[in-house]
Amino acid sequence: MSAYRKLTRDQMAARLAQDIPDGAIVNLGIGLPTLVANHLPKDREIVLHSENGVLGMGPAPAAGQEDEDLINAGKEPVTILPGGAYFHHADSFAMMRGGHLDICVLGAFQVSMTGDLANWHTGAPDAIPAVGGAMDLAIGAKKTYVMMELLTRQNESKLVERCTYPLTGIGCVSRIYTDQAVVEVTPQGLVALEWVDGLSFEELCKLSGAPLRPPA
């Protein structure tokens, strides 16, 4: 295996942020996806939604400037931009279920070659299930992006031919942003759009648990 450097979590977030278009309404899931808020292009108006009832979130507050009453769904402190709004979480879920979100960004335990998503439970007896609003987001958003490391701590691929963990959604994932590659879900299977410098496509294929095609 050749020497190469994986993307950091902030680099992953910055790369994903570049693909969010101007005017998009976006939900950032708990965990890694929340980092995307800190890397949104300054020349685009992107409206961030949180299922606990916030629309128009900004980046994370500076140290010492946190407001304990202003948090995202992961209970992390956030800021709110001019024109932002608060509302009941039932209204927030109505936005999600009604197809009003352009993009949601979620973490994942596994993504299959057909875009199935597993991100709420590993199936382990001692695991704590935490579905939250993931099912509503994965199915309700017009596009679902996943942000995750390619490999687990046991060096097993999170890209798989078929998910072995309980599913969050079926065929819902459009694109996967990892620390080693960006992968598109297509009707013909998974297409690696790009990968980090120093890593060959052949080496990436060996790391993946599902077949990959090169970009056209």
N, C-alpha and C. Protein backbone atom coordinates (compact mmCIF):
# COMPACT_ATOMS: atom_id res chain seq x y z
N MET A 1 0.85 -1.19 0.00
CA MET A 1 0.00 0.00 0.00
C MET A 1 0.89 1.24 0.00
N SER A 2 0.64 2.17 -0.91
CA SER A 2 1.45 3.38 -1.00
C SER A 2 1.16 4.30 0.18
N ALA A 3 2.11 5.22 0.42
CA ALA A 3 1.93 6.17 1.52
C ALA A 3 0.99 7.29 1.07
N TYR A 4 0.03 7.62 1.92
CA TYR A 4 -0.89 8.70 1.61
C TYR A 4 -1.44 9.24 2.92
N ARG A 5 -2.03 10.41 2.86
CA ARG A 5 -2.57 11.04 4.06
C ARG A 5 -4.08 11.15 3.94
N LYS A 6 -4.78 10.61 4.92
CA LYS A 6 -6.23 10.71 4.94
C LYS A 6 -6.65 12.15 5.24
N LEU A 7 -7.85 12.49 4.83
CA LEU A 7 -8.41 13.80 5.18
C LEU A 7 -8.74 13.84 6.67
N THR A 8 -8.52 14.99 7.28
CA THR A 8 -8.97 15.19 8.65
C THR A 8 -10.48 15.38 8.63
N ARG A 9 -11.09 15.38 9.80
CA ARG A 9 -12.54 15.57 9.86
C ARG A 9 -12.94 16.95 9.35
N ASP A 10 -12.14 17.96 9.63
CA ASP A 10 -12.45 19.30 9.12
C ASP A 10 -12.27 19.36 7.60
N GLN A 11 -11.29 18.66 7.08
CA GLN A 11 -11.11 18.62 5.64
C GLN A 11 -12.27 17.90 4.96
N MET A 12 -12.76 16.84 5.58
CA MET A 12 -13.94 16.15 5.06
C MET A 12 -15.13 17.09 5.02
N ALA A 13 -15.32 17.84 6.11
CA ALA A 13 -16.44 18.77 6.19
C ALA A 13 -16.32 19.87 5.14
N ALA A 14 -15.10 20.37 4.96
CA ALA A 14 -14.89 21.43 3.97
C ALA A 14 -15.14 20.92 2.55
N ARG A 15 -14.73 19.68 2.30
CA ARG A 15 -14.95 19.12 0.95
C ARG A 15 -16.45 18.95 0.69
N LEU A 16 -17.19 18.46 1.66
CA LEU A 16 -18.64 18.30 1.48
C LEU A 16 -19.32 19.64 1.30
N ALA A 17 -18.89 20.62 2.08
CA ALA A 17 -19.51 21.95 2.03
C ALA A 17 -19.43 22.55 0.63
N GLN A 18 -18.37 22.24 -0.11
CA GLN A 18 -18.21 22.78 -1.46
C GLN A 18 -19.30 22.30 -2.41
N ASP A 19 -19.94 21.19 -2.09
CA ASP A 19 -20.97 20.64 -2.98
C ASP A 19 -22.39 21.05 -2.60
N ILE A 20 -22.53 21.91 -1.59
CA ILE A 20 -23.85 22.39 -1.22
C ILE A 20 -24.14 23.68 -2.00
N PRO A 21 -25.17 23.69 -2.82
CA PRO A 21 -25.41 24.84 -3.69
C PRO A 21 -26.01 26.04 -2.96
N ASP A 22 -25.88 27.18 -3.60
CA ASP A 22 -26.47 28.41 -3.08
C ASP A 22 -27.98 28.26 -2.96
N GLY A 23 -28.54 28.71 -1.84
CA GLY A 23 -29.98 28.67 -1.64
C GLY A 23 -30.50 27.38 -1.03
N ALA A 24 -29.62 26.42 -0.75
CA ALA A 24 -30.08 25.12 -0.23
C ALA A 24 -30.48 25.22 1.24
N ILE A 25 -31.50 24.45 1.60
CA ILE A 25 -31.90 24.28 3.00
C ILE A 25 -31.38 22.91 3.43
N VAL A 26 -30.54 22.90 4.47
CA VAL A 26 -29.74 21.72 4.80
C VAL A 26 -29.86 21.37 6.27
N ASN A 27 -30.02 20.08 6.56
CA ASN A 27 -29.96 19.58 7.93
C ASN A 27 -28.65 18.84 8.12
N LEU A 28 -27.93 19.17 9.19
CA LEU A 28 -26.68 18.51 9.52
C LEU A 28 -26.90 17.57 10.70
N GLY A 29 -26.68 16.28 10.50
CA GLY A 29 -26.92 15.30 11.54
C GLY A 29 -25.94 15.39 12.69
N ILE A 30 -26.22 14.66 13.74
CA ILE A 30 -25.38 14.64 14.93
C ILE A 30 -24.02 14.03 14.62
N GLY A 31 -22.99 14.54 15.27
CA GLY A 31 -21.64 13.99 15.10
C GLY A 31 -20.86 14.73 14.03
N LEU A 32 -20.15 13.98 13.20
CA LEU A 32 -19.30 14.57 12.16
C LEU A 32 -20.01 15.63 11.31
N PRO A 33 -21.23 15.39 10.85
CA PRO A 33 -21.87 16.36 9.96
C PRO A 33 -21.97 17.78 10.52
N THR A 34 -22.01 17.93 11.84
CA THR A 34 -22.13 19.28 12.40
C THR A 34 -20.94 20.16 12.04
N LEU A 35 -19.79 19.55 11.73
CA LEU A 35 -18.60 20.32 11.36
C LEU A 35 -18.79 21.09 10.05
N VAL A 36 -19.71 20.64 9.22
CA VAL A 36 -19.94 21.29 7.92
C VAL A 36 -20.34 22.75 8.11
N ALA A 37 -21.03 23.05 9.21
CA ALA A 37 -21.49 24.43 9.45
C ALA A 37 -20.33 25.41 9.52
N ASN A 38 -19.16 24.95 9.90
CA ASN A 38 -18.01 25.83 10.04
C ASN A 38 -17.26 26.04 8.73
N HIS A 39 -17.70 25.40 7.65
CA HIS A 39 -16.94 25.45 6.40
C HIS A 39 -17.80 25.83 5.20
N LEU A 40 -18.98 26.36 5.43
CA LEU A 40 -19.85 26.73 4.31
C LEU A 40 -19.24 27.90 3.54
N PRO A 41 -19.29 27.88 2.21
CA PRO A 41 -18.72 28.98 1.42
C PRO A 41 -19.37 30.32 1.77
N LYS A 42 -18.56 31.33 1.93
CA LYS A 42 -19.06 32.65 2.35
C LYS A 42 -19.90 33.32 1.27
N ASP A 43 -19.71 32.91 0.01
CA ASP A 43 -20.42 33.57 -1.08
C ASP A 43 -21.76 32.89 -1.41
N ARG A 44 -22.19 31.95 -0.57
CA ARG A 44 -23.47 31.28 -0.81
C ARG A 44 -24.38 31.46 0.39
N GLU A 45 -25.66 31.58 0.11
CA GLU A 45 -26.65 31.63 1.19
C GLU A 45 -27.20 30.22 1.38
N ILE A 46 -26.77 29.57 2.45
CA ILE A 46 -27.18 28.20 2.77
C ILE A 46 -27.87 28.24 4.13
N VAL A 47 -29.10 27.76 4.19
CA VAL A 47 -29.90 27.84 5.41
C VAL A 47 -29.84 26.50 6.13
N LEU A 48 -29.36 26.52 7.37
CA LEU A 48 -29.22 25.30 8.15
C LEU A 48 -30.43 25.07 9.05
N HIS A 49 -30.93 23.85 9.03
CA HIS A 49 -32.11 23.44 9.79
C HIS A 49 -31.70 22.42 10.84
N SER A 50 -32.34 22.47 12.01
CA SER A 50 -32.12 21.46 13.04
C SER A 50 -33.47 20.94 13.50
N GLU A 51 -33.55 19.60 13.68
CA GLU A 51 -34.86 19.00 13.98
C GLU A 51 -35.42 19.38 15.33
N ASN A 52 -34.59 19.98 16.21
CA ASN A 52 -35.15 20.42 17.49
C ASN A 52 -35.84 21.77 17.38
N GLY A 53 -35.90 22.34 16.16
CA GLY A 53 -36.72 23.52 15.93
C GLY A 53 -35.96 24.81 15.69
N VAL A 54 -34.94 24.76 14.85
CA VAL A 54 -34.16 25.96 14.51
C VAL A 54 -33.97 26.00 13.00
N LEU A 55 -34.12 27.17 12.42
CA LEU A 55 -33.84 27.39 11.01
C LEU A 55 -33.00 28.65 10.89
N GLY A 56 -31.86 28.53 10.22
CA GLY A 56 -30.97 29.67 10.07
C GLY A 56 -29.81 29.65 11.04
N MET A 57 -29.29 28.46 11.35
CA MET A 57 -28.14 28.36 12.24
C MET A 57 -26.87 28.85 11.56
N GLY A 58 -25.96 29.37 12.39
CA GLY A 58 -24.65 29.76 11.92
C GLY A 58 -23.60 28.78 12.41
N PRO A 59 -22.33 29.19 12.34
CA PRO A 59 -21.25 28.31 12.83
C PRO A 59 -21.25 28.20 14.35
N ALA A 60 -20.39 27.34 14.85
CA ALA A 60 -20.26 27.18 16.31
C ALA A 60 -19.80 28.50 16.93
N PRO A 61 -20.27 28.83 18.13
CA PRO A 61 -19.88 30.09 18.78
C PRO A 61 -18.42 30.05 19.24
N ALA A 62 -17.84 31.22 19.38
CA ALA A 62 -16.49 31.32 19.92
C ALA A 62 -16.51 30.91 21.39
N ALA A 63 -15.39 30.44 21.88
CA ALA A 63 -15.28 30.03 23.28
C ALA A 63 -15.68 31.18 24.19
N GLY A 64 -16.54 30.89 25.13
CA GLY A 64 -17.02 31.91 26.05
C GLY A 64 -18.26 32.63 25.58
N GLN A 65 -18.66 32.41 24.33
CA GLN A 65 -19.84 33.08 23.76
C GLN A 65 -21.04 32.14 23.61
N GLU A 66 -20.95 30.97 24.22
CA GLU A 66 -22.04 29.99 24.08
C GLU A 66 -23.31 30.45 24.80
N ASP A 67 -24.45 30.14 24.21
CA ASP A 67 -25.75 30.38 24.82
C ASP A 67 -26.37 29.02 25.09
N GLU A 68 -26.54 28.66 26.36
CA GLU A 68 -27.02 27.32 26.70
C GLU A 68 -28.44 27.06 26.22
N ASP A 69 -29.16 28.10 25.85
CA ASP A 69 -30.51 27.92 25.34
C ASP A 69 -30.55 27.79 23.81
N LEU A 70 -29.39 27.92 23.17
CA LEU A 70 -29.33 27.85 21.71
C LEU A 70 -28.44 26.68 21.32
N ILE A 71 -29.07 25.55 21.00
CA ILE A 71 -28.32 24.32 20.71
C ILE A 71 -28.89 23.65 19.46
N ASN A 72 -28.11 22.72 18.91
CA ASN A 72 -28.61 21.90 17.81
C ASN A 72 -29.15 20.58 18.36
N ALA A 73 -29.52 19.68 17.48
CA ALA A 73 -30.12 18.42 17.92
C ALA A 73 -29.15 17.53 18.68
N GLY A 74 -27.86 17.79 18.52
CA GLY A 74 -26.86 17.05 19.27
C GLY A 74 -26.49 17.71 20.59
N LYS A 75 -27.28 18.71 21.00
CA LYS A 75 -27.08 19.45 22.25
C LYS A 75 -25.76 20.23 22.26
N GLU A 76 -25.25 20.56 21.08
CA GLU A 76 -24.05 21.38 20.97
C GLU A 76 -24.45 22.84 20.80
N PRO A 77 -23.71 23.78 21.40
CA PRO A 77 -24.05 25.20 21.23
C PRO A 77 -23.85 25.65 19.79
N VAL A 78 -24.78 26.46 19.31
CA VAL A 78 -24.70 26.99 17.94
C VAL A 78 -24.98 28.49 17.98
N THR A 79 -24.83 29.13 16.84
CA THR A 79 -25.23 30.53 16.69
C THR A 79 -26.43 30.57 15.74
N ILE A 80 -27.07 31.71 15.69
CA ILE A 80 -28.18 31.87 14.74
C ILE A 80 -27.93 33.15 13.95
N LEU A 81 -28.19 33.08 12.65
CA LEU A 81 -27.92 34.19 11.75
C LEU A 81 -29.12 35.13 11.69
N PRO A 82 -28.93 36.37 11.24
CA PRO A 82 -30.07 37.29 11.08
C PRO A 82 -31.15 36.67 10.21
N GLY A 83 -32.39 36.74 10.67
CA GLY A 83 -33.50 36.13 9.95
C GLY A 83 -33.80 34.71 10.38
N GLY A 84 -32.98 34.15 11.29
CA GLY A 84 -33.21 32.80 11.78
C GLY A 84 -34.48 32.72 12.62
N ALA A 85 -34.96 31.50 12.83
CA ALA A 85 -36.23 31.34 13.54
C ALA A 85 -36.20 30.10 14.43
N TYR A 86 -37.02 30.15 15.49
CA TYR A 86 -37.24 29.00 16.37
C TYR A 86 -38.69 28.57 16.23
N PHE A 87 -38.96 27.27 16.42
CA PHE A 87 -40.33 26.78 16.32
C PHE A 87 -40.43 25.43 17.01
N HIS A 88 -41.66 24.96 17.17
CA HIS A 88 -41.90 23.68 17.84
C HIS A 88 -41.28 22.55 17.04
N HIS A 89 -40.78 21.52 17.75
CA HIS A 89 -40.14 20.42 17.02
C HIS A 89 -41.12 19.66 16.14
N ALA A 90 -42.41 19.72 16.44
CA ALA A 90 -43.40 19.08 15.56
C ALA A 90 -43.43 19.77 14.20
N ASP A 91 -43.30 21.10 14.21
CA ASP A 91 -43.23 21.84 12.94
C ASP A 91 -41.94 21.49 12.20
N SER A 92 -40.88 21.30 12.97
CA SER A 92 -39.60 20.95 12.37
C SER A 92 -39.68 19.60 11.65
N PHE A 93 -40.33 18.63 12.32
CA PHE A 93 -40.47 17.31 11.69
C PHE A 93 -41.43 17.36 10.51
N ALA A 94 -42.39 18.27 10.53
CA ALA A 94 -43.27 18.43 9.37
C ALA A 94 -42.48 18.92 8.16
N MET A 95 -41.49 19.80 8.41
CA MET A 95 -40.62 20.25 7.32
C MET A 95 -39.84 19.07 6.75
N MET A 96 -39.31 18.23 7.65
CA MET A 96 -38.50 17.08 7.22
C MET A 96 -39.34 16.09 6.44
N ARG A 97 -40.50 15.73 6.99
CA ARG A 97 -41.34 14.71 6.37
C ARG A 97 -42.04 15.21 5.12
N GLY A 98 -42.18 16.52 5.03
CA GLY A 98 -42.89 17.10 3.89
C GLY A 98 -42.02 17.36 2.67
N GLY A 99 -40.76 16.96 2.72
CA GLY A 99 -39.88 17.13 1.56
C GLY A 99 -39.38 18.55 1.36
N HIS A 100 -39.29 19.31 2.44
CA HIS A 100 -38.88 20.72 2.31
C HIS A 100 -37.38 20.93 2.46
N LEU A 101 -36.63 19.88 2.82
CA LEU A 101 -35.18 20.01 2.95
C LEU A 101 -34.51 19.57 1.64
N ASP A 102 -33.57 20.38 1.18
CA ASP A 102 -32.87 20.03 -0.05
C ASP A 102 -31.85 18.92 0.19
N ILE A 103 -31.12 19.02 1.30
CA ILE A 103 -30.05 18.06 1.60
C ILE A 103 -30.04 17.78 3.09
N CYS A 104 -29.80 16.54 3.45
CA CYS A 104 -29.43 16.23 4.83
C CYS A 104 -28.08 15.53 4.80
N VAL A 105 -27.28 15.78 5.83
CA VAL A 105 -25.96 15.17 5.93
C VAL A 105 -25.96 14.32 7.20
N LEU A 106 -25.72 13.02 7.04
CA LEU A 106 -25.79 12.10 8.16
C LEU A 106 -24.50 11.29 8.29
N GLY A 107 -24.21 10.86 9.51
CA GLY A 107 -23.14 9.91 9.72
C GLY A 107 -23.67 8.51 9.43
N ALA A 108 -22.78 7.51 9.44
CA ALA A 108 -23.23 6.15 9.13
C ALA A 108 -22.30 5.11 9.73
N PHE A 109 -22.90 3.97 10.06
CA PHE A 109 -22.14 2.77 10.39
C PHE A 109 -21.84 1.98 9.12
N GLN A 110 -22.81 1.97 8.20
CA GLN A 110 -22.66 1.26 6.93
C GLN A 110 -23.49 1.95 5.85
N VAL A 111 -22.98 1.91 4.61
CA VAL A 111 -23.75 2.30 3.43
C VAL A 111 -23.56 1.20 2.40
N SER A 112 -24.65 0.74 1.81
CA SER A 112 -24.56 -0.34 0.83
C SER A 112 -24.35 0.20 -0.57
N MET A 113 -24.04 -0.70 -1.49
CA MET A 113 -23.79 -0.31 -2.88
C MET A 113 -25.05 0.20 -3.57
N THR A 114 -26.22 -0.03 -2.99
CA THR A 114 -27.46 0.50 -3.55
C THR A 114 -27.97 1.73 -2.79
N GLY A 115 -27.15 2.25 -1.86
CA GLY A 115 -27.53 3.45 -1.14
C GLY A 115 -28.36 3.23 0.10
N ASP A 116 -28.44 1.99 0.57
CA ASP A 116 -29.10 1.73 1.86
C ASP A 116 -28.24 2.31 2.98
N LEU A 117 -28.87 2.81 4.01
CA LEU A 117 -28.17 3.47 5.12
C LEU A 117 -28.45 2.78 6.44
N ALA A 118 -27.40 2.51 7.20
CA ALA A 118 -27.53 2.00 8.57
C ALA A 118 -26.72 2.93 9.47
N ASN A 119 -27.41 3.67 10.34
CA ASN A 119 -26.67 4.64 11.16
C ASN A 119 -27.21 4.81 12.57
N TRP A 120 -28.12 3.93 13.00
CA TRP A 120 -28.71 4.17 14.32
C TRP A 120 -28.45 3.06 15.32
N HIS A 121 -28.00 1.89 14.87
CA HIS A 121 -27.82 0.77 15.79
C HIS A 121 -26.89 -0.24 15.14
N THR A 122 -25.94 -0.76 15.91
CA THR A 122 -25.04 -1.78 15.38
C THR A 122 -25.59 -3.18 15.56
N GLY A 123 -26.68 -3.29 16.29
CA GLY A 123 -27.25 -4.60 16.55
C GLY A 123 -26.62 -5.31 17.73
N ALA A 124 -25.56 -4.72 18.30
CA ALA A 124 -24.90 -5.34 19.45
C ALA A 124 -25.82 -5.28 20.67
N PRO A 125 -25.83 -6.32 21.51
CA PRO A 125 -26.75 -6.36 22.66
C PRO A 125 -26.58 -5.18 23.62
N ASP A 126 -25.35 -4.67 23.75
CA ASP A 126 -25.11 -3.58 24.70
C ASP A 126 -25.11 -2.21 24.04
N ALA A 127 -25.41 -2.15 22.74
CA ALA A 127 -25.42 -0.88 22.03
C ALA A 127 -26.66 -0.08 22.40
N ILE A 128 -26.50 1.24 22.46
CA ILE A 128 -27.62 2.13 22.78
C ILE A 128 -28.23 2.62 21.47
N PRO A 129 -29.47 2.23 21.16
CA PRO A 129 -30.08 2.71 19.91
C PRO A 129 -30.34 4.20 19.97
N ALA A 130 -30.08 4.89 18.86
CA ALA A 130 -30.23 6.35 18.85
C ALA A 130 -30.68 6.80 17.46
N VAL A 131 -31.92 6.49 17.14
CA VAL A 131 -32.39 6.82 15.79
C VAL A 131 -32.68 8.31 15.64
N GLY A 132 -33.17 8.98 16.71
CA GLY A 132 -33.47 10.41 16.59
C GLY A 132 -34.37 10.68 15.41
N GLY A 133 -34.00 11.68 14.61
CA GLY A 133 -34.78 12.00 13.42
C GLY A 133 -34.17 11.46 12.15
N ALA A 134 -33.22 10.52 12.26
CA ALA A 134 -32.48 10.06 11.09
C ALA A 134 -33.37 9.44 10.02
N MET A 135 -34.36 8.63 10.44
CA MET A 135 -35.22 7.99 9.45
C MET A 135 -36.04 9.03 8.68
N ASP A 136 -36.54 10.01 9.40
CA ASP A 136 -37.33 11.07 8.76
C ASP A 136 -36.47 11.88 7.79
N LEU A 137 -35.23 12.18 8.21
CA LEU A 137 -34.33 12.96 7.38
C LEU A 137 -33.90 12.18 6.14
N ALA A 138 -33.51 10.92 6.34
CA ALA A 138 -32.98 10.13 5.23
C ALA A 138 -33.99 9.96 4.10
N ILE A 139 -35.26 9.84 4.46
CA ILE A 139 -36.30 9.63 3.47
C ILE A 139 -36.93 10.95 3.02
N GLY A 140 -36.98 11.93 3.94
CA GLY A 140 -37.68 13.17 3.63
C GLY A 140 -36.89 14.17 2.82
N ALA A 141 -35.56 14.19 2.99
CA ALA A 141 -34.75 15.17 2.26
C ALA A 141 -34.66 14.79 0.78
N LYS A 142 -34.50 15.80 -0.06
CA LYS A 142 -34.40 15.53 -1.51
C LYS A 142 -33.12 14.77 -1.83
N LYS A 143 -32.04 15.06 -1.09
CA LYS A 143 -30.78 14.33 -1.24
C LYS A 143 -30.22 14.02 0.14
N THR A 144 -29.67 12.83 0.30
CA THR A 144 -29.02 12.45 1.54
C THR A 144 -27.54 12.20 1.28
N TYR A 145 -26.70 12.99 1.94
CA TYR A 145 -25.25 12.80 1.88
C TYR A 145 -24.79 12.14 3.18
N VAL A 146 -23.81 11.27 3.07
CA VAL A 146 -23.22 10.64 4.25
C VAL A 146 -21.79 11.12 4.41
N MET A 147 -21.43 11.42 5.65
CA MET A 147 -20.05 11.81 5.99
C MET A 147 -19.55 10.82 7.03
N MET A 148 -18.48 10.09 6.68
CA MET A 148 -17.99 9.05 7.59
C MET A 148 -16.56 8.68 7.24
N GLU A 149 -15.85 8.10 8.18
CA GLU A 149 -14.57 7.47 7.85
C GLU A 149 -14.85 6.22 7.01
N LEU A 150 -13.93 5.92 6.10
CA LEU A 150 -14.14 4.76 5.23
C LEU A 150 -14.06 3.45 6.01
N LEU A 151 -13.15 3.39 7.00
CA LEU A 151 -12.92 2.16 7.74
C LEU A 151 -13.29 2.31 9.21
N THR A 152 -13.69 1.21 9.82
CA THR A 152 -13.94 1.18 11.26
C THR A 152 -12.60 1.11 11.99
N ARG A 153 -12.65 1.14 13.32
CA ARG A 153 -11.43 0.99 14.10
C ARG A 153 -10.81 -0.39 13.93
N GLN A 154 -11.62 -1.33 13.47
CA GLN A 154 -11.13 -2.69 13.22
C GLN A 154 -10.70 -2.85 11.75
N ASN A 155 -10.59 -1.71 11.03
CA ASN A 155 -10.18 -1.70 9.62
C ASN A 155 -11.14 -2.46 8.72
N GLU A 156 -12.42 -2.45 9.08
CA GLU A 156 -13.45 -3.01 8.22
C GLU A 156 -14.13 -1.88 7.46
N SER A 157 -14.44 -2.12 6.20
CA SER A 157 -15.03 -1.08 5.38
C SER A 157 -16.47 -0.79 5.80
N LYS A 158 -16.81 0.49 5.80
CA LYS A 158 -18.20 0.89 6.05
C LYS A 158 -19.00 0.92 4.75
N LEU A 159 -18.30 0.84 3.61
CA LEU A 159 -18.97 0.63 2.33
C LEU A 159 -19.12 -0.87 2.14
N VAL A 160 -20.34 -1.33 2.00
CA VAL A 160 -20.59 -2.78 1.96
C VAL A 160 -21.54 -3.11 0.81
N GLU A 161 -21.51 -4.37 0.39
CA GLU A 161 -22.45 -4.80 -0.64
C GLU A 161 -23.87 -4.80 -0.09
N ARG A 162 -24.01 -5.24 1.16
CA ARG A 162 -25.33 -5.28 1.79
C ARG A 162 -25.16 -4.96 3.27
N CYS A 163 -25.97 -4.06 3.80
CA CYS A 163 -25.87 -3.67 5.21
C CYS A 163 -26.21 -4.85 6.11
N THR A 164 -25.42 -5.03 7.15
CA THR A 164 -25.71 -6.08 8.13
C THR A 164 -26.28 -5.50 9.41
N TYR A 165 -26.29 -4.18 9.54
CA TYR A 165 -26.88 -3.53 10.70
C TYR A 165 -28.32 -3.13 10.37
N PRO A 166 -29.14 -2.87 11.40
CA PRO A 166 -30.52 -2.43 11.14
C PRO A 166 -30.55 -1.18 10.27
N LEU A 167 -31.45 -1.16 9.29
CA LEU A 167 -31.48 -0.07 8.32
C LEU A 167 -32.18 1.17 8.86
N THR A 168 -31.65 2.31 8.43
CA THR A 168 -32.29 3.60 8.66
C THR A 168 -33.18 3.95 7.49
N GLY A 169 -32.69 3.69 6.29
CA GLY A 169 -33.45 3.98 5.08
C GLY A 169 -32.95 3.11 3.94
N ILE A 170 -33.81 2.85 2.97
CA ILE A 170 -33.49 2.00 1.82
C ILE A 170 -33.28 2.86 0.58
N GLY A 171 -32.13 2.70 -0.06
CA GLY A 171 -31.86 3.41 -1.31
C GLY A 171 -31.92 4.91 -1.20
N CYS A 172 -31.57 5.46 -0.04
CA CYS A 172 -31.75 6.89 0.20
C CYS A 172 -30.47 7.72 0.01
N VAL A 173 -29.30 7.11 0.03
CA VAL A 173 -28.04 7.85 0.00
C VAL A 173 -27.66 8.20 -1.43
N SER A 174 -27.32 9.48 -1.64
CA SER A 174 -26.89 9.94 -2.96
C SER A 174 -25.37 9.96 -3.10
N ARG A 175 -24.69 10.40 -2.04
CA ARG A 175 -23.23 10.56 -2.12
C ARG A 175 -22.62 10.32 -0.75
N ILE A 176 -21.38 9.80 -0.75
CA ILE A 176 -20.68 9.46 0.49
C ILE A 176 -19.34 10.18 0.52
N TYR A 177 -19.11 10.95 1.57
CA TYR A 177 -17.86 11.69 1.74
C TYR A 177 -17.07 11.02 2.85
N THR A 178 -15.92 10.46 2.51
CA THR A 178 -15.10 9.78 3.50
C THR A 178 -13.74 10.46 3.62
N ASP A 179 -12.92 9.94 4.53
CA ASP A 179 -11.59 10.49 4.72
C ASP A 179 -10.61 10.05 3.63
N GLN A 180 -11.08 9.17 2.72
CA GLN A 180 -10.19 8.69 1.67
C GLN A 180 -10.74 8.87 0.26
N ALA A 181 -12.04 9.07 0.13
CA ALA A 181 -12.63 9.20 -1.20
C ALA A 181 -14.03 9.79 -1.11
N VAL A 182 -14.49 10.33 -2.25
CA VAL A 182 -15.88 10.75 -2.41
C VAL A 182 -16.51 9.76 -3.38
N VAL A 183 -17.63 9.18 -2.97
CA VAL A 183 -18.26 8.10 -3.74
C VAL A 183 -19.71 8.45 -4.05
N GLU A 184 -20.09 8.28 -5.30
CA GLU A 184 -21.46 8.54 -5.74
C GLU A 184 -22.23 7.23 -5.83
N VAL A 185 -23.49 7.25 -5.40
CA VAL A 185 -24.37 6.08 -5.56
C VAL A 185 -25.14 6.26 -6.86
N THR A 186 -24.99 5.32 -7.79
CA THR A 186 -25.66 5.40 -9.08
C THR A 186 -26.45 4.12 -9.32
N PRO A 187 -27.35 4.11 -10.31
CA PRO A 187 -28.08 2.88 -10.63
C PRO A 187 -27.16 1.74 -11.05
N GLN A 188 -25.94 2.07 -11.50
CA GLN A 188 -24.98 1.06 -11.91
C GLN A 188 -24.03 0.65 -10.77
N GLY A 189 -24.23 1.20 -9.58
CA GLY A 189 -23.37 0.88 -8.46
C GLY A 189 -22.62 2.10 -7.94
N LEU A 190 -21.58 1.86 -7.16
CA LEU A 190 -20.81 2.93 -6.54
C LEU A 190 -19.72 3.42 -7.49
N VAL A 191 -19.65 4.73 -7.65
CA VAL A 191 -18.63 5.36 -8.50
C VAL A 191 -17.74 6.23 -7.62
N ALA A 192 -16.44 5.97 -7.63
CA ALA A 192 -15.49 6.80 -6.90
C ALA A 192 -15.21 8.05 -7.72
N LEU A 193 -15.68 9.18 -7.24
CA LEU A 193 -15.51 10.44 -7.97
C LEU A 193 -14.10 10.98 -7.83
N GLU A 194 -13.51 10.81 -6.64
CA GLU A 194 -12.15 11.29 -6.37
C GLU A 194 -11.62 10.57 -5.14
N TRP A 195 -10.32 10.58 -4.98
CA TRP A 195 -9.69 9.96 -3.82
C TRP A 195 -8.43 10.74 -3.48
N VAL A 196 -7.92 10.54 -2.27
CA VAL A 196 -6.83 11.37 -1.77
C VAL A 196 -5.55 11.11 -2.55
N ASP A 197 -4.69 12.14 -2.58
CA ASP A 197 -3.40 12.02 -3.25
C ASP A 197 -2.57 10.91 -2.62
N GLY A 198 -1.90 10.17 -3.47
CA GLY A 198 -1.04 9.09 -2.99
C GLY A 198 -1.74 7.75 -2.90
N LEU A 199 -3.06 7.74 -3.01
CA LEU A 199 -3.84 6.49 -2.99
C LEU A 199 -4.31 6.20 -4.41
N SER A 200 -4.00 5.03 -4.91
CA SER A 200 -4.45 4.68 -6.25
C SER A 200 -5.87 4.15 -6.23
N PHE A 201 -6.50 4.14 -7.39
CA PHE A 201 -7.86 3.61 -7.46
C PHE A 201 -7.87 2.13 -7.11
N GLU A 202 -6.87 1.40 -7.54
CA GLU A 202 -6.79 -0.03 -7.23
C GLU A 202 -6.69 -0.26 -5.73
N GLU A 203 -5.89 0.57 -5.04
CA GLU A 203 -5.76 0.45 -3.60
C GLU A 203 -7.06 0.80 -2.89
N LEU A 204 -7.76 1.82 -3.40
CA LEU A 204 -9.05 2.19 -2.83
C LEU A 204 -10.04 1.03 -2.96
N CYS A 205 -10.02 0.36 -4.08
CA CYS A 205 -10.94 -0.77 -4.29
C CYS A 205 -10.69 -1.88 -3.28
N LYS A 206 -9.43 -2.08 -2.92
CA LYS A 206 -9.11 -3.12 -1.93
C LYS A 206 -9.62 -2.75 -0.54
N LEU A 207 -9.70 -1.44 -0.25
CA LEU A 207 -10.19 -0.99 1.04
C LEU A 207 -11.71 -1.07 1.13
N SER A 208 -12.37 -0.96 0.01
CA SER A 208 -13.84 -0.93 -0.02
C SER A 208 -14.41 -2.33 0.11
N GLY A 209 -15.52 -2.42 0.85
CA GLY A 209 -16.22 -3.68 0.98
C GLY A 209 -17.27 -3.89 -0.08
N ALA A 210 -17.36 -2.95 -1.03
CA ALA A 210 -18.30 -3.06 -2.15
C ALA A 210 -17.56 -2.66 -3.43
N PRO A 211 -17.95 -3.20 -4.57
CA PRO A 211 -17.28 -2.87 -5.82
C PRO A 211 -17.37 -1.37 -6.12
N LEU A 212 -16.28 -0.81 -6.65
CA LEU A 212 -16.23 0.58 -7.05
C LEU A 212 -15.93 0.70 -8.53
N ARG A 213 -16.52 1.70 -9.16
CA ARG A 213 -16.21 2.00 -10.55
C ARG A 213 -15.46 3.32 -10.60
N PRO A 214 -14.56 3.49 -11.55
CA PRO A 214 -13.87 4.78 -11.69
C PRO A 214 -14.80 5.81 -12.31
N PRO A 215 -14.48 7.10 -12.18
CA PRO A 215 -15.33 8.11 -12.80
C PRO A 215 -15.30 7.97 -14.32
N ALA A 216 -16.39 8.36 -14.95
CA ALA A 216 -16.47 8.24 -16.42
C ALA A 216 -15.50 9.20 -17.08
